[in-house]
Amino acid sequence: GNQLTNLTNATFQGLSNLIELDLSFNRIRFIHDSVFNSLTSLQTLDLGLNSLQQVTDMKPVLQLPQIQKLGL
């Protein structure tokens, strides 16, 4: 991990072709509602071993159109 603590709207801009994203082993506590909007091709996302504490923090993940594999 990289000790990331939050993900903002600009974090992944311009990465629409990204297919796999591993954010595990960080300290992510907050994910902005539209942080993954530009990741229209994302199929695999790993958010395991972070500090997300609320179910509402997962709303941005549920909006990913191509997601097939999700690690929590």
Foldseek 3Di string as FASTA:
>chain_A
DPQDAEADQPNCPPPCVDAEDEPEPHAHAAYDQCNCVSPQNYAYYAHYHYNHDDPVRCNNVVPHPRHNYYHD
